[in-house]
C-alpha atoms as a PDB file:
ATOM      1  CA  MET A   1       1.309 -42.199 -53.208  1.00  0.00           C
ATOM      2  CA  THR A   2       2.316 -38.565 -52.682  1.00  0.00           C
ATOM      3  CA  ALA A   3       5.008 -36.450 -51.065  1.00  0.00           C
ATOM      4  CA  SER A   4       2.904 -36.233 -47.911  1.00  0.00           C
ATOM      5  CA  ASN A   5       2.272 -39.933 -47.341  1.00  0.00           C
ATOM      6  CA  TRP A   6       5.004 -42.035 -48.968  1.00  0.00           C
ATOM      7  CA  LYS A   7       6.994 -42.454 -45.738  1.00  0.00           C
ATOM      8  CA  ARG A   8       4.064 -44.275 -44.160  1.00  0.00           C
ATOM      9  CA  LEU A   9       3.620 -46.633 -47.097  1.00  0.00           C
ATOM     10  CA  VAL A  10       7.101 -48.056 -47.662  1.00  0.00           C
ATOM     11  CA  LYS A  11       9.492 -50.461 -45.946  1.00  0.00           C
ATOM     12  CA  ASP A  12      13.280 -50.540 -45.986  1.00  0.00           C
ATOM     13  CA  ASP A  13      14.586 -52.983 -48.556  1.00  0.00           C
ATOM     14  CA  ASP A  14      16.232 -55.701 -46.458  1.00  0.00           C
ATOM     15  CA  SER A  15      16.086 -58.300 -49.223  1.00  0.00           C
ATOM     16  CA  SER A  16      18.978 -60.559 -50.063  1.00  0.00           C
ATOM     17  CA  PRO A  17      20.646 -58.310 -52.711  1.00  0.00           C
ATOM     18  CA  ILE A  18      20.930 -55.375 -50.283  1.00  0.00           C
ATOM     19  CA  ARG A  19      22.086 -57.537 -47.406  1.00  0.00           C
ATOM     20  CA  LEU A  20      24.662 -59.247 -49.602  1.00  0.00           C
ATOM     21  CA  ALA A  21      25.914 -55.867 -50.787  1.00  0.00           C
ATOM     22  CA  VAL A  22      26.508 -54.656 -47.228  1.00  0.00           C
ATOM     23  CA  GLU A  23      28.151 -57.952 -46.328  1.00  0.00           C
ATOM     24  CA  GLY A  24      30.268 -57.711 -49.455  1.00  0.00           C
ATOM     25  CA  LEU A  25      31.520 -54.272 -48.448  1.00  0.00           C
ATOM     26  CA  GLU A  26      32.580 -55.722 -45.122  1.00  0.00           C
ATOM     27  CA  ASN A  27      34.447 -58.770 -46.378  1.00  0.00           C
ATOM     28  CA  GLU A  28      35.342 -57.442 -49.845  1.00  0.00           C
ATOM     29  CA  THR A  29      33.224 -59.943 -51.755  1.00  0.00           C
ATOM     30  CA  LEU A  30      30.733 -57.433 -53.197  1.00  0.00           C
ATOM     31  CA  ASP A  31      29.171 -58.825 -56.375  1.00  0.00           C
ATOM     32  CA  LEU A  32      28.833 -55.535 -58.223  1.00  0.00           C
ATOM     33  CA  ALA A  33      27.097 -56.995 -61.265  1.00  0.00           C
ATOM     34  CA  ALA A  34      24.496 -58.797 -59.133  1.00  0.00           C
ATOM     35  CA  LEU A  35      23.726 -55.696 -57.052  1.00  0.00           C
ATOM     36  CA  LEU A  36      23.312 -53.437 -60.068  1.00  0.00           C
ATOM     37  CA  ARG A  37      21.271 -56.029 -61.951  1.00  0.00           C
ATOM     38  CA  SER A  38      18.914 -56.308 -58.989  1.00  0.00           C
ATOM     39  CA  MET A  39      18.531 -52.524 -58.762  1.00  0.00           C
ATOM     40  CA  ASP A  40      18.008 -52.183 -62.505  1.00  0.00           C
ATOM     41  CA  GLU A  41      15.289 -54.857 -62.456  1.00  0.00           C
ATOM     42  CA  SER A  42      13.579 -53.317 -59.418  1.00  0.00           C
ATOM     43  CA  LEU A  43      13.618 -49.830 -60.904  1.00  0.00           C
ATOM     44  CA  ALA A  44      12.035 -51.106 -64.104  1.00  0.00           C
ATOM     45  CA  ASP A  45       8.854 -51.378 -62.004  1.00  0.00           C
ATOM     46  CA  SER A  46       9.010 -48.097 -60.116  1.00  0.00           C
ATOM     47  CA  VAL A  47       7.523 -44.614 -59.952  1.00  0.00           C
ATOM     48  CA  VAL A  48       8.674 -41.123 -59.093  1.00  0.00           C
ATOM     49  CA  VAL A  49       6.696 -39.917 -56.076  1.00  0.00           C
ATOM     50  CA  PRO A  50       4.857 -36.756 -57.209  1.00  0.00           C
ATOM     51  CA  GLY A  51       5.801 -33.660 -55.281  1.00  0.00           C
ATOM     52  CA  THR A  52       9.239 -34.883 -54.196  1.00  0.00           C
ATOM     53  CA  GLU A  53      11.081 -33.433 -57.188  1.00  0.00           C
ATOM     54  CA  GLN A  54      13.470 -30.551 -56.590  1.00  0.00           C
ATOM     55  CA  VAL A  55      15.661 -28.938 -59.244  1.00  0.00           C
ATOM     56  CA  THR A  56      18.653 -26.587 -59.068  1.00  0.00           C
ATOM     57  CA  ASN A  57      20.008 -24.856 -62.151  1.00  0.00           C
ATOM     58  CA  GLN A  58      22.772 -22.340 -61.611  1.00  0.00           C
ATOM     59  CA  ASN A  59      25.887 -21.255 -63.510  1.00  0.00           C
ATOM     60  CA  GLY A  60      25.859 -24.232 -65.844  1.00  0.00           C
ATOM     61  CA  TYR A  61      25.274 -26.777 -63.076  1.00  0.00           C
ATOM     62  CA  GLU A  62      22.004 -28.708 -62.980  1.00  0.00           C
ATOM     63  CA  LYS A  63      20.807 -30.976 -60.178  1.00  0.00           C
ATOM     64  CA  ALA A  64      17.576 -32.869 -59.670  1.00  0.00           C
ATOM     65  CA  THR A  65      16.550 -34.850 -56.590  1.00  0.00           C
ATOM     66  CA  TRP A  66      13.459 -36.979 -56.121  1.00  0.00           C
ATOM     67  CA  VAL A  67      12.062 -40.031 -54.344  1.00  0.00           C
ATOM     68  CA  HIS A  68      11.549 -43.264 -56.237  1.00  0.00           C
ATOM     69  CA  VAL A  69       9.323 -46.093 -54.960  1.00  0.00           C
ATOM     70  CA  TYR A  70       9.915 -49.590 -56.309  1.00  0.00           C
ATOM     71  CA  ALA A  71       8.867 -53.197 -55.692  1.00  0.00           C
ATOM     72  CA  ASN A  72      11.717 -54.959 -53.911  1.00  0.00           C
ATOM     73  CA  PRO A  73      12.452 -58.698 -54.332  1.00  0.00           C
ATOM     74  CA  LYS A  74      10.182 -59.432 -51.335  1.00  0.00           C
ATOM     75  CA  HIS A  75       7.285 -57.773 -53.233  1.00  0.00           C
ATOM     76  CA  GLU A  76       7.128 -54.858 -50.800  1.00  0.00           C
ATOM     77  CA  ARG A  77       7.259 -51.168 -51.646  1.00  0.00           C
ATOM     78  CA  SER A  78      10.638 -49.668 -50.854  1.00  0.00           C
ATOM     79  CA  VAL A  79      12.157 -46.273 -51.424  1.00  0.00           C
ATOM     80  CA  VAL A  80      15.351 -44.961 -52.916  1.00  0.00           C
ATOM     81  CA  ASN A  81      16.396 -41.310 -52.788  1.00  0.00           C
ATOM     82  CA  MET A  82      17.728 -40.233 -56.173  1.00  0.00           C
ATOM     83  CA  GLU A  83      20.001 -37.478 -57.348  1.00  0.00           C
ATOM     84  CA  TRP A  84      21.032 -36.564 -60.899  1.00  0.00           C
ATOM     85  CA  SER A  85      23.468 -33.797 -61.746  1.00  0.00           C
ATOM     86  CA  ARG A  86      25.062 -32.403 -64.879  1.00  0.00           C
ATOM     87  CA  SER A  87      27.967 -30.015 -65.225  1.00  0.00           C
ATOM     88  CA  GLU A  88      30.154 -28.945 -68.119  1.00  0.00           C
ATOM     89  CA  ASN A  89      32.345 -32.025 -67.772  1.00  0.00           C
ATOM     90  CA  SER A  90      30.245 -34.814 -66.287  1.00  0.00           C
ATOM     91  CA  VAL A  91      26.868 -36.367 -65.540  1.00  0.00           C
ATOM     92  CA  SER A  92      26.267 -38.285 -62.323  1.00  0.00           C
ATOM     93  CA  VAL A  93      23.537 -40.329 -60.652  1.00  0.00           C
ATOM     94  CA  THR A  94      23.277 -41.290 -56.992  1.00  0.00           C
ATOM     95  CA  LEU A  95      21.015 -43.844 -55.337  1.00  0.00           C
ATOM     96  CA  ALA A  96      20.641 -43.797 -51.549  1.00  0.00           C
ATOM     97  CA  LEU A  97      18.841 -46.797 -50.069  1.00  0.00           C
ATOM     98  CA  PRO A  98      17.955 -46.906 -46.362  1.00  0.00           C
ATOM     99  CA  ALA A  99      19.603 -49.947 -44.734  1.00  0.00           C
ATOM    100  CA  GLY A 100      17.876 -49.907 -41.367  1.00  0.00           C
ATOM    101  CA  PHE A 101      18.583 -53.583 -40.750  1.00  0.00           C
ATOM    102  CA  TRP A 102      22.285 -52.829 -40.173  1.00  0.00           C
ATOM    103  CA  PRO A 103      21.855 -50.647 -37.043  1.00  0.00           C
ATOM    104  CA  ARG A 104      19.187 -52.997 -35.694  1.00  0.00           C
ATOM    105  CA  GLU A 105      21.356 -56.070 -36.057  1.00  0.00           C
ATOM    106  CA  ARG A 106      24.891 -54.780 -35.657  1.00  0.00           C
ATOM    107  CA  ALA A 107      24.970 -51.577 -33.591  1.00  0.00           C
ATOM    108  CA  GLN A 108      25.379 -53.324 -30.247  1.00  0.00           C
ATOM    109  CA  GLN A 109      28.620 -54.894 -31.445  1.00  0.00           C
ATOM    110  CA  PHE A 110      30.085 -51.393 -31.492  1.00  0.00           C
ATOM    111  CA  ASP A 111      28.461 -50.149 -28.266  1.00  0.00           C
ATOM    112  CA  LEU A 112      25.943 -48.163 -30.289  1.00  0.00           C
ATOM    113  CA  SER A 113      22.191 -47.698 -29.934  1.00  0.00           C
ATOM    114  CA  ALA A 114      20.280 -48.711 -33.062  1.00  0.00           C
ATOM    115  CA  GLN A 115      17.825 -45.844 -32.585  1.00  0.00           C
ATOM    116  CA  GLN A 116      20.608 -43.262 -32.699  1.00  0.00           C
ATOM    117  CA  PHE A 117      22.055 -44.293 -36.046  1.00  0.00           C
ATOM    118  CA  ALA A 118      21.004 -44.540 -39.675  1.00  0.00           C
ATOM    119  CA  ALA A 119      22.699 -46.663 -42.328  1.00  0.00           C
ATOM    120  CA  THR A 120      22.393 -45.884 -46.031  1.00  0.00           C
ATOM    121  CA  LEU A 121      23.681 -47.917 -48.955  1.00  0.00           C
ATOM    122  CA  VAL A 122      24.892 -45.459 -51.589  1.00  0.00           C
ATOM    123  CA  ILE A 123      25.530 -46.227 -55.268  1.00  0.00           C
ATOM    124  CA  PHE A 124      27.201 -43.404 -57.180  1.00  0.00           C
ATOM    125  CA  ILE A 125      28.041 -43.418 -60.902  1.00  0.00           C
ATOM    126  CA  GLU A 126      29.623 -40.558 -62.858  1.00  0.00           C
ATOM    127  CA  GLN A 127      30.317 -40.346 -66.570  1.00  0.00           C
ATOM    128  CA  TYR A 128      32.779 -37.940 -68.178  1.00  0.00           C
ATOM    129  CA  PRO A 129      31.848 -37.516 -71.875  1.00  0.00           C
ATOM    130  CA  SER A 130      34.754 -35.138 -72.445  1.00  0.00           C
ATOM    131  CA  LEU A 131      37.166 -37.909 -71.425  1.00  0.00           C
ATOM    132  CA  GLY A 132      36.006 -40.526 -73.884  1.00  0.00           C
ATOM    133  CA  SER A 133      33.019 -41.545 -71.758  1.00  0.00           C
ATOM    134  CA  THR A 134      35.201 -42.430 -68.798  1.00  0.00           C
ATOM    135  CA  VAL A 135      33.044 -43.829 -65.974  1.00  0.00           C
ATOM    136  CA  GLY A 136      33.776 -43.861 -62.246  1.00  0.00           C
ATOM    137  CA  GLY A 137      31.799 -44.573 -59.140  1.00  0.00           C
ATOM    138  CA  LEU A 138      31.445 -46.349 -55.825  1.00  0.00           C
ATOM    139  CA  VAL A 139      29.255 -48.423 -53.558  1.00  0.00           C
ATOM    140  CA  GLN A 140      29.424 -47.318 -49.937  1.00  0.00           C
ATOM    141  CA  LEU A 141      27.665 -47.867 -46.613  1.00  0.00           C
ATOM    142  CA  ASN A 142      27.194 -44.578 -44.764  1.00  0.00           C
ATOM    143  CA  ILE A 143      26.574 -44.909 -41.027  1.00  0.00           C
ATOM    144  CA  ASP A 144      25.474 -41.587 -39.570  1.00  0.00           C
ATOM    145  CA  ARG A 145      24.421 -40.257 -36.175  1.00  0.00           C
ATOM    146  CA  VAL A 146      20.735 -39.328 -35.897  1.00  0.00           C
ATOM    147  CA  GLY A 147      20.083 -36.345 -33.672  1.00  0.00           C
ATOM    148  CA  GLY A 148      22.298 -35.735 -30.658  1.00  0.00           C
ATOM    149  CA  THR A 149      24.391 -32.752 -29.722  1.00  0.00           C
ATOM    150  CA  ALA A 150      27.215 -31.353 -31.816  1.00  0.00           C
ATOM    151  CA  ALA A 151      29.675 -32.945 -29.396  1.00  0.00           C
ATOM    152  CA  GLU A 152      27.995 -36.353 -29.709  1.00  0.00           C
ATOM    153  CA  CYS A 153      28.039 -36.118 -33.508  1.00  0.00           C
ATOM    154  CA  ASN A 154      31.720 -35.189 -33.501  1.00  0.00           C
ATOM    155  CA  GLU A 155      32.444 -38.058 -31.122  1.00  0.00           C
ATOM    156  CA  TRP A 156      30.718 -40.479 -33.486  1.00  0.00           C
ATOM    157  CA  GLN A 157      32.625 -39.177 -36.507  1.00  0.00           C
ATOM    158  CA  GLU A 158      35.904 -39.795 -34.676  1.00  0.00           C
ATOM    159  CA  LYS A 159      34.772 -43.258 -33.600  1.00  0.00           C
ATOM    160  CA  ARG A 160      33.599 -44.119 -37.110  1.00  0.00           C
ATOM    161  CA  HIS A 161      36.969 -43.075 -38.516  1.00  0.00           C
ATOM    162  CA  ARG A 162      38.754 -45.251 -35.963  1.00  0.00           C
ATOM    163  CA  LEU A 163      36.499 -48.254 -36.616  1.00  0.00           C
ATOM    164  CA  ARG A 164      37.109 -47.952 -40.355  1.00  0.00           C
ATOM    165  CA  GLN A 165      40.854 -47.800 -39.794  1.00  0.00           C
ATOM    166  CA  GLU A 166      40.542 -50.920 -37.667  1.00  0.00           C
ATOM    167  CA  LYS A 167      38.593 -52.530 -40.549  1.00  0.00           C
ATOM    168  CA  ARG A 168      35.587 -53.159 -38.296  1.00  0.00           C
ATOM    169  CA  LEU A 169      32.960 -51.361 -40.399  1.00  0.00           C
ATOM    170  CA  PRO A 170      31.672 -52.001 -43.921  1.00  0.00           C
ATOM    171  CA  PHE A 171      32.893 -49.092 -46.004  1.00  0.00           C
ATOM    172  CA  LEU A 172      33.541 -48.535 -49.703  1.00  0.00           C
ATOM    173  CA  SER A 173      34.278 -50.198 -53.008  1.00  0.00           C
ATOM    174  CA  GLY A 174      35.146 -48.033 -56.009  1.00  0.00           C
ATOM    175  CA  PHE A 175      35.212 -48.722 -59.736  1.00  0.00           C
ATOM    176  CA  GLY A 176      36.279 -47.008 -62.939  1.00  0.00           C
ATOM    177  CA  PHE A 177      36.746 -47.821 -66.595  1.00  0.00           C
ATOM    178  CA  ARG A 178      37.358 -46.377 -70.032  1.00  0.00           C
ATOM    179  CA  ASN A 179      37.250 -48.020 -73.447  1.00  0.00           C
ATOM    180  CA  GLY A 180      36.463 -51.410 -71.934  1.00  0.00           C
ATOM    181  CA  VAL A 181      39.340 -51.434 -69.447  1.00  0.00           C
ATOM    182  CA  GLY A 182      39.269 -50.560 -65.785  1.00  0.00           C
ATOM    183  CA  SER A 183      39.458 -51.713 -62.196  1.00  0.00           C
ATOM    184  CA  ARG A 184      37.639 -52.081 -58.903  1.00  0.00           C
ATOM    185  CA  SER A 185      39.106 -50.990 -55.579  1.00  0.00           C
ATOM    186  CA  TRP A 186      38.587 -51.797 -51.906  1.00  0.00           C
ATOM    187  CA  ALA A 187      38.993 -49.100 -49.278  1.00  0.00           C
ATOM    188  CA  ARG A 188      39.505 -51.469 -46.343  1.00  0.00           C
ATOM    189  CA  SER A 189      42.480 -53.330 -47.794  1.00  0.00           C
ATOM    190  CA  ASP A 190      43.644 -50.633 -50.251  1.00  0.00           C
ATOM    191  CA  THR A 191      43.720 -53.199 -53.067  1.00  0.00           C
ATOM    192  CA  GLU A 192      42.500 -53.336 -56.665  1.00  0.00           C
ATOM    193  CA  GLN A 193      41.297 -55.928 -59.143  1.00  0.00           C
ATOM    194  CA  PRO A 194      40.313 -55.764 -62.826  1.00  0.00           C
ATOM    195  CA  ILE A 195      36.695 -54.901 -63.530  1.00  0.00           C
ATOM    196  CA  THR A 196      34.812 -57.452 -65.630  1.00  0.00           C
ATOM    197  CA  VAL A 197      32.867 -56.933 -68.829  1.00  0.00           C
ATOM    198  CA  ALA A 198      29.650 -57.947 -67.033  1.00  0.00           C
ATOM    199  CA  GLU A 199      30.261 -55.358 -64.323  1.00  0.00           C
ATOM    200  CA  MET A 200      30.904 -52.592 -66.854  1.00  0.00           C
ATOM    201  CA  LYS A 201      27.709 -53.477 -68.724  1.00  0.00           C
ATOM    202  CA  ARG A 202      25.672 -53.336 -65.507  1.00  0.00           C
ATOM    203  CA  VAL A 203      27.173 -50.004 -64.489  1.00  0.00           C
ATOM    204  CA  SER A 204      26.394 -48.524 -67.898  1.00  0.00           C
ATOM    205  CA  ALA A 205      22.855 -49.932 -68.006  1.00  0.00           C
ATOM    206  CA  LEU A 206      21.888 -48.551 -64.600  1.00  0.00           C
ATOM    207  CA  PHE A 207      23.512 -45.213 -65.356  1.00  0.00           C
ATOM    208  CA  ASP A 208      21.664 -44.891 -68.667  1.00  0.00           C
ATOM    209  CA  ARG A 209      18.307 -45.679 -67.028  1.00  0.00           C
ATOM    210  CA  LEU A 210      18.697 -43.181 -64.195  1.00  0.00           C
ATOM    211  CA  ALA A 211      20.341 -40.443 -66.249  1.00  0.00           C
ATOM    212  CA  LYS A 212      17.332 -40.503 -68.560  1.00  0.00           C
ATOM    213  CA  VAL A 213      14.924 -40.261 -65.602  1.00  0.00           C
ATOM    214  CA  GLY A 214      16.952 -37.499 -63.984  1.00  0.00           C
ATOM    215  CA  GLU A 215      17.092 -35.420 -67.131  1.00  0.00           C
ATOM    216  CA  GLY A 216      13.342 -35.864 -67.522  1.00  0.00           C
ATOM    217  CA  VAL A 217      12.703 -34.682 -63.949  1.00  0.00           C
ATOM    218  CA  ALA A 218      14.975 -31.672 -64.444  1.00  0.00           C
ATOM    219  CA  THR A 219      13.306 -30.720 -67.725  1.00  0.00           C
ATOM    220  CA  ALA A 220       9.766 -31.093 -66.378  1.00  0.00           C
ATOM    221  CA  GLU A 221      10.451 -29.056 -63.241  1.00  0.00           C
ATOM    222  CA  SER A 222      12.169 -26.278 -65.207  1.00  0.00           C
ATOM    223  CA  LYS A 223       9.166 -25.594 -67.421  1.00  0.00           C
END
C-alpha cells in the first residue's frame, strides 16, 4: 500500500465503536473509555502508509501528518488521518476518521444531499508537560460541505451553527485532567461530569502510542 493507491484499498470504518461514538455525541452517552480502547487496539495492528508523511519544523514548532491504515473490528482495512505537533509548551495528537455512514443515513433528515457532505470523527488529545502533565482534548463530529460555491459553503456553515444551537446535530465532548482529577463536558447541554480513572488511563495510553509514532515520523522525515 502506497501514497498513490491507498484510497482505493480502504473502507470507512462503520463498525460498532465508531457508530456508538457518533450516537454518543448526539445523545451525550459517549463511552470515552470504550472508544479509545477500540482505537488503541486497532492501531496496535496498523501501518503508516509510505509517502504520506509530511513534516513542518519552524520557529520551535514541529508538526507531522501522515496516513495510518488499520484493521477495523469488521476485519476490513480502514484509514485514519494523523497529526502530531510539538511546541514549547505542549504536545498534541489528532486522529481524523472518515464517518461516511452519517451523511448516507442522516443527511435527508436535514434536507441535505449525502454526496455534498463529509463527516469526520475527530479525536484530539493535548498534553502540557510544563503544567504538571495536564491533559485536555475532545471528541467531535465535523460535518463539512464538499465542493460547492463560496455562497453555498457559507450557507451551510450558518445552517450547521443553527442546527447545533437547536441540538439537532452530534457535536462535541471535551475532557481534561491533572494529577488524577478532571472532568468531561458536553457542548450540547453545556454540562460537566467527573472523568473516571478508566477514561484517564485510556486517554493517556492512546496519547503515548501516537505521540511516539508522531515523533518517529518527524525525526525520520527531518533526516
